[in-house]
Amino acid sequence: MKKLSIFLTVFLLIIILGAPSWAIDQTKKFAIGGYAGYGFGFGDFFKDQEFGYYDPDLGFVGYSFKNKLTFCFGAKAKYGLTPELALVGALDYQSGDVDVKAAAGGFAVGVSESYHWTGILANILYTLSPDKKTCPYLTGGVGYYMPEEGDSKPGINLGGGIEHFFQPNLALDAGARFHMIFTEDKNTTYIQILAGLNYYFGTK
């Protein structure tokens, strides 16, 4: 899945960046978009955890587990306030796996289980070169993260990327986003690498 995601992202970039492009004024323009990518976790939540004891005859007896992120996707809506500033709302789905290994007497058995959470994001986006066909941008805001099991938590997200218009109403959007979820016991932070398309209404 990871290799396929990277291949599709690179292929999409090559096709779209090689096509003719346009620049538009995004002021008072409404856009919708979708994206997909891959997540990479770090911090306390994604460290290896080990529980058990050492037996002189059996060695380590217990189990260990590790959280890791996998694919992600989402949908978003964008409204331009000025040529540089826009409001962005997103519904973000992030999946992950937990690998569990049990060990005793030199033998180990491992299983993997999937999990996910959904984030509702409200961001401000600042475009660095709104008059160009390829527009770098910075974005940041707040989020509310809802796991499939457990309590929902607030958080923040920061990121950046490029938006490349290959039609007046259609743009490639590729970038990265950093997330921090506010939890009491473990630091849950992760980065997503994303690529998708934005469709603008009211353009010619």
C-alpha atoms as a PDB file:
ATOM      1  CA  MET A   1       0.000   0.000   0.000  1.00  0.00           C
ATOM      2  CA  LYS A   2       2.821   2.417   0.904  1.00  0.00           C
ATOM      3  CA  LYS A   3       4.745   1.819  -2.351  1.00  0.00           C
ATOM      4  CA  LEU A   4       1.546   2.102  -4.390  1.00  0.00           C
ATOM      5  CA  SER A   5       0.672   5.426  -2.731  1.00  0.00           C
ATOM      6  CA  ILE A   6       4.130   6.838  -3.495  1.00  0.00           C
ATOM      7  CA  PHE A   7       3.991   5.636  -7.115  1.00  0.00           C
ATOM      8  CA  LEU A   8       0.552   7.129  -7.726  1.00  0.00           C
ATOM      9  CA  THR A   9       1.603  10.445  -6.165  1.00  0.00           C
ATOM     10  CA  VAL A  10       4.730  10.718  -8.318  1.00  0.00           C
ATOM     11  CA  PHE A  11       2.817   9.704 -11.459  1.00  0.00           C
ATOM     12  CA  LEU A  12       0.126  12.322 -10.791  1.00  0.00           C
ATOM     13  CA  LEU A  13       2.762  15.012 -10.243  1.00  0.00           C
ATOM     14  CA  ILE A  14       4.538  14.209 -13.529  1.00  0.00           C
ATOM     15  CA  ILE A  15       1.332  14.234 -15.588  1.00  0.00           C
ATOM     16  CA  ILE A  16      -0.131  17.405 -14.102  1.00  0.00           C
ATOM     17  CA  LEU A  17       3.025  19.497 -13.843  1.00  0.00           C
ATOM     18  CA  GLY A  18       3.747  18.796 -17.503  1.00  0.00           C
ATOM     19  CA  ALA A  19       0.358  20.117 -18.625  1.00  0.00           C
ATOM     20  CA  PRO A  20      -0.519  23.761 -19.498  1.00  0.00           C
ATOM     21  CA  SER A  21      -1.455  25.843 -16.467  1.00  0.00           C
ATOM     22  CA  TRP A  22      -3.295  29.032 -15.463  1.00  0.00           C
ATOM     23  CA  ALA A  23      -3.257  31.489 -12.587  1.00  0.00           C
ATOM     24  CA  ILE A  24      -6.540  32.655 -11.019  1.00  0.00           C
ATOM     25  CA  ASP A  25      -7.634  35.142  -8.384  1.00  0.00           C
ATOM     26  CA  GLN A  26      -9.030  32.975  -5.574  1.00  0.00           C
ATOM     27  CA  THR A  27     -10.840  35.862  -3.832  1.00  0.00           C
ATOM     28  CA  LYS A  28     -14.476  34.922  -3.105  1.00  0.00           C
ATOM     29  CA  LYS A  29     -13.983  31.611  -4.898  1.00  0.00           C
ATOM     30  CA  PHE A  30     -15.304  28.409  -3.354  1.00  0.00           C
ATOM     31  CA  ALA A  31     -13.477  25.121  -3.909  1.00  0.00           C
ATOM     32  CA  ILE A  32     -13.906  21.495  -2.915  1.00  0.00           C
ATOM     33  CA  GLY A  33     -11.199  18.887  -2.984  1.00  0.00           C
ATOM     34  CA  GLY A  34     -10.086  15.404  -2.069  1.00  0.00           C
ATOM     35  CA  TYR A  35      -6.711  13.960  -1.162  1.00  0.00           C
ATOM     36  CA  ALA A  36      -4.912  10.781  -0.151  1.00  0.00           C
ATOM     37  CA  GLY A  37      -1.528   9.939   1.264  1.00  0.00           C
ATOM     38  CA  TYR A  38       0.464   8.234   4.001  1.00  0.00           C
ATOM     39  CA  GLY A  39       1.072   8.972   7.671  1.00  0.00           C
ATOM     40  CA  PHE A  40       4.233   8.728   9.785  1.00  0.00           C
ATOM     41  CA  GLY A  41       3.947   8.773  13.575  1.00  0.00           C
ATOM     42  CA  PHE A  42       6.471   9.799  16.211  1.00  0.00           C
ATOM     43  CA  GLY A  43       6.461  10.709  19.884  1.00  0.00           C
ATOM     44  CA  ASP A  44       5.483   8.642  22.921  1.00  0.00           C
ATOM     45  CA  PHE A  45       2.397   7.067  21.347  1.00  0.00           C
ATOM     46  CA  PHE A  46       4.459   5.440  18.580  1.00  0.00           C
ATOM     47  CA  LYS A  47       7.373   4.144  20.689  1.00  0.00           C
ATOM     48  CA  ASP A  48       7.910   0.422  21.232  1.00  0.00           C
ATOM     49  CA  GLN A  49       6.181  -0.678  24.426  1.00  0.00           C
ATOM     50  CA  GLU A  50       7.243  -3.822  26.308  1.00  0.00           C
ATOM     51  CA  PHE A  51       5.575  -5.520  29.302  1.00  0.00           C
ATOM     52  CA  GLY A  52       6.687  -8.659  31.109  1.00  0.00           C
ATOM     53  CA  TYR A  53       9.513 -10.128  33.166  1.00  0.00           C
ATOM     54  CA  TYR A  54      12.705 -12.156  32.756  1.00  0.00           C
ATOM     55  CA  ASP A  55      12.643 -15.819  33.756  1.00  0.00           C
ATOM     56  CA  PRO A  56      16.036 -17.633  34.192  1.00  0.00           C
ATOM     57  CA  ASP A  57      14.758 -20.671  32.311  1.00  0.00           C
ATOM     58  CA  LEU A  58      12.364 -19.171  29.783  1.00  0.00           C
ATOM     59  CA  GLY A  59      14.011 -15.831  29.150  1.00  0.00           C
ATOM     60  CA  PHE A  60      11.685 -12.908  28.524  1.00  0.00           C
ATOM     61  CA  VAL A  61       8.034 -13.693  29.179  1.00  0.00           C
ATOM     62  CA  GLY A  62       5.525 -11.078  28.150  1.00  0.00           C
ATOM     63  CA  TYR A  63       4.474  -9.051  25.157  1.00  0.00           C
ATOM     64  CA  SER A  64       5.373  -5.934  23.225  1.00  0.00           C
ATOM     65  CA  PHE A  65       3.450  -3.687  20.879  1.00  0.00           C
ATOM     66  CA  LYS A  66       4.107  -0.866  18.447  1.00  0.00           C
ATOM     67  CA  ASN A  67       1.751   1.601  16.800  1.00  0.00           C
ATOM     68  CA  LYS A  68       2.402   2.643  13.214  1.00  0.00           C
ATOM     69  CA  LEU A  69       0.424   4.719  10.737  1.00  0.00           C
ATOM     70  CA  THR A  70      -0.619   3.688   7.247  1.00  0.00           C
ATOM     71  CA  PHE A  71      -2.760   5.340   4.558  1.00  0.00           C
ATOM     72  CA  CYS A  72      -4.925   8.439   4.981  1.00  0.00           C
ATOM     73  CA  PHE A  73      -7.480  10.297   2.885  1.00  0.00           C
ATOM     74  CA  GLY A  74      -9.962  13.104   3.234  1.00  0.00           C
ATOM     75  CA  ALA A  75     -12.177  15.794   1.746  1.00  0.00           C
ATOM     76  CA  LYS A  76     -12.038  19.565   2.174  1.00  0.00           C
ATOM     77  CA  ALA A  77     -13.773  22.825   1.328  1.00  0.00           C
ATOM     78  CA  LYS A  78     -11.984  26.143   0.744  1.00  0.00           C
ATOM     79  CA  TYR A  79     -13.167  29.748   0.509  1.00  0.00           C
ATOM     80  CA  GLY A  80     -10.899  32.601  -0.586  1.00  0.00           C
ATOM     81  CA  LEU A  81     -11.086  35.742   1.578  1.00  0.00           C
ATOM     82  CA  THR A  82      -8.341  37.638  -0.299  1.00  0.00           C
ATOM     83  CA  PRO A  83      -5.833  36.605  -2.974  1.00  0.00           C
ATOM     84  CA  GLU A  84      -3.555  35.439  -0.147  1.00  0.00           C
ATOM     85  CA  LEU A  85      -5.901  34.223   2.612  1.00  0.00           C
ATOM     86  CA  ALA A  86      -8.467  31.420   2.615  1.00  0.00           C
ATOM     87  CA  LEU A  87     -10.539  29.453   5.083  1.00  0.00           C
ATOM     88  CA  VAL A  88     -10.265  25.661   4.823  1.00  0.00           C
ATOM     89  CA  GLY A  89     -12.336  22.962   6.501  1.00  0.00           C
ATOM     90  CA  ALA A  90     -11.412  19.297   6.181  1.00  0.00           C
ATOM     91  CA  LEU A  91     -12.661  15.870   7.182  1.00  0.00           C
ATOM     92  CA  ASP A  92      -9.536  13.743   7.617  1.00  0.00           C
ATOM     93  CA  TYR A  93      -9.322   9.937   7.985  1.00  0.00           C
ATOM     94  CA  GLN A  94      -6.091   8.389   9.307  1.00  0.00           C
ATOM     95  CA  SER A  95      -5.556   4.632   9.622  1.00  0.00           C
ATOM     96  CA  GLY A  96      -2.959   2.700  11.569  1.00  0.00           C
ATOM     97  CA  ASP A  97      -1.850  -0.747  12.691  1.00  0.00           C
ATOM     98  CA  VAL A  98      -0.724  -2.023  16.071  1.00  0.00           C
ATOM     99  CA  ASP A  99       1.752  -4.921  15.962  1.00  0.00           C
ATOM    100  CA  VAL A 100       1.593  -7.135  19.065  1.00  0.00           C
ATOM    101  CA  LYS A 101       4.211  -9.818  19.842  1.00  0.00           C
ATOM    102  CA  ALA A 102       3.998 -12.333  22.691  1.00  0.00           C
ATOM    103  CA  ALA A 103       7.165 -14.147  23.777  1.00  0.00           C
ATOM    104  CA  ALA A 104       7.997 -17.043  26.119  1.00  0.00           C
ATOM    105  CA  GLY A 105      10.749 -19.669  26.157  1.00  0.00           C
ATOM    106  CA  GLY A 106      12.417 -18.213  23.080  1.00  0.00           C
ATOM    107  CA  PHE A 107       9.245 -18.411  21.009  1.00  0.00           C
ATOM    108  CA  ALA A 108       7.385 -15.345  19.757  1.00  0.00           C
ATOM    109  CA  VAL A 109       3.972 -14.967  18.143  1.00  0.00           C
ATOM    110  CA  GLY A 110       2.869 -11.762  16.435  1.00  0.00           C
ATOM    111  CA  VAL A 111      -0.459 -10.340  15.329  1.00  0.00           C
ATOM    112  CA  SER A 112      -1.445  -7.033  13.747  1.00  0.00           C
ATOM    113  CA  GLU A 113      -4.702  -5.154  14.215  1.00  0.00           C
ATOM    114  CA  SER A 114      -5.966  -2.075  12.378  1.00  0.00           C
ATOM    115  CA  TYR A 115      -7.426   1.074  13.894  1.00  0.00           C
ATOM    116  CA  HIS A 116      -8.308   4.581  12.728  1.00  0.00           C
ATOM    117  CA  TRP A 117      -9.464   8.013  13.754  1.00  0.00           C
ATOM    118  CA  THR A 118     -11.245  10.877  12.017  1.00  0.00           C
ATOM    119  CA  GLY A 119     -10.257  14.521  12.386  1.00  0.00           C
ATOM    120  CA  ILE A 120     -12.413  17.585  11.783  1.00  0.00           C
ATOM    121  CA  LEU A 121     -10.041  20.455  10.885  1.00  0.00           C
ATOM    122  CA  ALA A 122     -10.582  24.224  10.656  1.00  0.00           C
ATOM    123  CA  ASN A 123      -7.626  26.064   9.124  1.00  0.00           C
ATOM    124  CA  ILE A 124      -6.346  29.342   7.771  1.00  0.00           C
ATOM    125  CA  LEU A 125      -4.346  29.073   4.533  1.00  0.00           C
ATOM    126  CA  TYR A 126      -1.834  31.701   3.370  1.00  0.00           C
ATOM    127  CA  THR A 127      -0.711  31.652  -0.280  1.00  0.00           C
ATOM    128  CA  LEU A 128       2.816  32.967  -0.866  1.00  0.00           C
ATOM    129  CA  SER A 129       2.485  33.782  -4.581  1.00  0.00           C
ATOM    130  CA  PRO A 130      -1.219  34.103  -5.494  1.00  0.00           C
ATOM    131  CA  ASP A 131      -0.475  35.560  -8.939  1.00  0.00           C
ATOM    132  CA  LYS A 132       1.535  32.515 -10.044  1.00  0.00           C
ATOM    133  CA  LYS A 133       0.376  29.322 -11.706  1.00  0.00           C
ATOM    134  CA  THR A 134       2.149  27.340  -8.989  1.00  0.00           C
ATOM    135  CA  CYS A 135       1.311  28.697  -5.540  1.00  0.00           C
ATOM    136  CA  PRO A 136       3.250  27.639  -2.432  1.00  0.00           C
ATOM    137  CA  TYR A 137       1.220  27.971   0.748  1.00  0.00           C
ATOM    138  CA  LEU A 138       1.314  27.641   4.527  1.00  0.00           C
ATOM    139  CA  THR A 139      -1.624  26.452   6.588  1.00  0.00           C
ATOM    140  CA  GLY A 140      -2.518  25.891  10.212  1.00  0.00           C
ATOM    141  CA  GLY A 141      -5.434  25.588  12.578  1.00  0.00           C
ATOM    142  CA  VAL A 142      -7.273  23.478  15.120  1.00  0.00           C
ATOM    143  CA  GLY A 143      -8.820  20.037  14.978  1.00  0.00           C
ATOM    144  CA  TYR A 144     -11.069  17.626  16.820  1.00  0.00           C
ATOM    145  CA  TYR A 145      -9.864  14.015  16.604  1.00  0.00           C
ATOM    146  CA  MET A 146     -12.303  11.126  17.059  1.00  0.00           C
ATOM    147  CA  PRO A 147     -10.878   7.588  17.434  1.00  0.00           C
ATOM    148  CA  GLU A 148     -12.932   4.479  16.712  1.00  0.00           C
ATOM    149  CA  GLU A 149     -12.480   3.576  20.392  1.00  0.00           C
ATOM    150  CA  GLY A 150     -11.787   5.940  23.274  1.00  0.00           C
ATOM    151  CA  ASP A 151     -12.363   9.607  23.948  1.00  0.00           C
ATOM    152  CA  SER A 152     -12.237  12.333  21.305  1.00  0.00           C
ATOM    153  CA  LYS A 153      -9.530  14.961  21.799  1.00  0.00           C
ATOM    154  CA  PRO A 154      -8.689  18.443  20.477  1.00  0.00           C
ATOM    155  CA  GLY A 155      -5.458  19.192  18.689  1.00  0.00           C
ATOM    156  CA  ILE A 156      -3.615  21.458  16.271  1.00  0.00           C
ATOM    157  CA  ASN A 157      -2.202  21.023  12.786  1.00  0.00           C
ATOM    158  CA  LEU A 158       0.389  22.920  10.731  1.00  0.00           C
ATOM    159  CA  GLY A 159       1.536  22.354   7.195  1.00  0.00           C
ATOM    160  CA  GLY A 160       2.489  23.581   3.780  1.00  0.00           C
ATOM    161  CA  GLY A 161       2.518  22.621   0.150  1.00  0.00           C
ATOM    162  CA  ILE A 162       1.949  23.768  -3.408  1.00  0.00           C
ATOM    163  CA  GLU A 163      -1.201  24.284  -5.445  1.00  0.00           C
ATOM    164  CA  HIS A 164      -0.618  24.039  -9.196  1.00  0.00           C
ATOM    165  CA  PHE A 165      -3.401  25.152 -11.578  1.00  0.00           C
ATOM    166  CA  PHE A 166      -3.393  23.065 -14.758  1.00  0.00           C
ATOM    167  CA  GLN A 167      -6.899  24.314 -15.634  1.00  0.00           C
ATOM    168  CA  PRO A 168      -8.609  27.544 -14.543  1.00  0.00           C
ATOM    169  CA  ASN A 169     -10.920  25.569 -12.260  1.00  0.00           C
ATOM    170  CA  LEU A 170      -8.751  22.555 -11.374  1.00  0.00           C
ATOM    171  CA  ALA A 171      -5.530  22.385  -9.367  1.00  0.00           C
ATOM    172  CA  LEU A 172      -3.139  19.808  -8.013  1.00  0.00           C
ATOM    173  CA  ASP A 173      -2.622  20.183  -4.263  1.00  0.00           C
ATOM    174  CA  ALA A 174       0.395  18.411  -2.749  1.00  0.00           C
ATOM    175  CA  GLY A 175       2.039  18.912   0.618  1.00  0.00           C
ATOM    176  CA  ALA A 176       2.543  17.771   4.190  1.00  0.00           C
ATOM    177  CA  ARG A 177       0.672  18.328   7.443  1.00  0.00           C
ATOM    178  CA  PHE A 178       1.875  17.980  11.046  1.00  0.00           C
ATOM    179  CA  HIS A 179      -0.657  17.024  13.736  1.00  0.00           C
ATOM    180  CA  MET A 180      -0.492  17.114  17.525  1.00  0.00           C
ATOM    181  CA  ILE A 181      -3.367  15.607  19.513  1.00  0.00           C
ATOM    182  CA  PHE A 182      -3.680  16.798  23.110  1.00  0.00           C
ATOM    183  CA  THR A 183      -3.753  13.683  25.293  1.00  0.00           C
ATOM    184  CA  GLU A 184      -3.116  13.363  29.026  1.00  0.00           C
ATOM    185  CA  ASP A 185      -0.564  10.552  29.072  1.00  0.00           C
ATOM    186  CA  LYS A 186       1.123  10.139  25.701  1.00  0.00           C
ATOM    187  CA  ASN A 187       2.331  12.611  23.102  1.00  0.00           C
ATOM    188  CA  THR A 188       0.450  11.754  19.884  1.00  0.00           C
ATOM    189  CA  THR A 189       2.117  13.515  16.959  1.00  0.00           C
ATOM    190  CA  TYR A 190       2.295  12.526  13.323  1.00  0.00           C
ATOM    191  CA  ILE A 191       2.964  13.829   9.803  1.00  0.00           C
ATOM    192  CA  GLN A 192       0.922  13.154   6.673  1.00  0.00           C
ATOM    193  CA  ILE A 193       2.273  13.362   3.112  1.00  0.00           C
ATOM    194  CA  LEU A 194      -0.689  14.247   0.876  1.00  0.00           C
ATOM    195  CA  ALA A 195      -1.637  14.761  -2.764  1.00  0.00           C
ATOM    196  CA  GLY A 196      -5.025  15.550  -4.297  1.00  0.00           C
ATOM    197  CA  LEU A 197      -7.131  17.802  -6.495  1.00  0.00           C
ATOM    198  CA  ASN A 198      -9.111  21.017  -5.858  1.00  0.00           C
ATOM    199  CA  TYR A 199     -12.067  22.092  -8.015  1.00  0.00           C
ATOM    200  CA  TYR A 200     -12.953  25.808  -8.071  1.00  0.00           C
ATOM    201  CA  PHE A 201     -16.440  27.097  -8.752  1.00  0.00           C
ATOM    202  CA  GLY A 202     -17.062  30.382 -10.552  1.00  0.00           C
ATOM    203  CA  THR A 203     -13.931  30.398 -12.703  1.00  0.00           C
ATOM    204  CA  LYS A 204     -13.722  30.779 -16.481  1.00  0.00           C
END
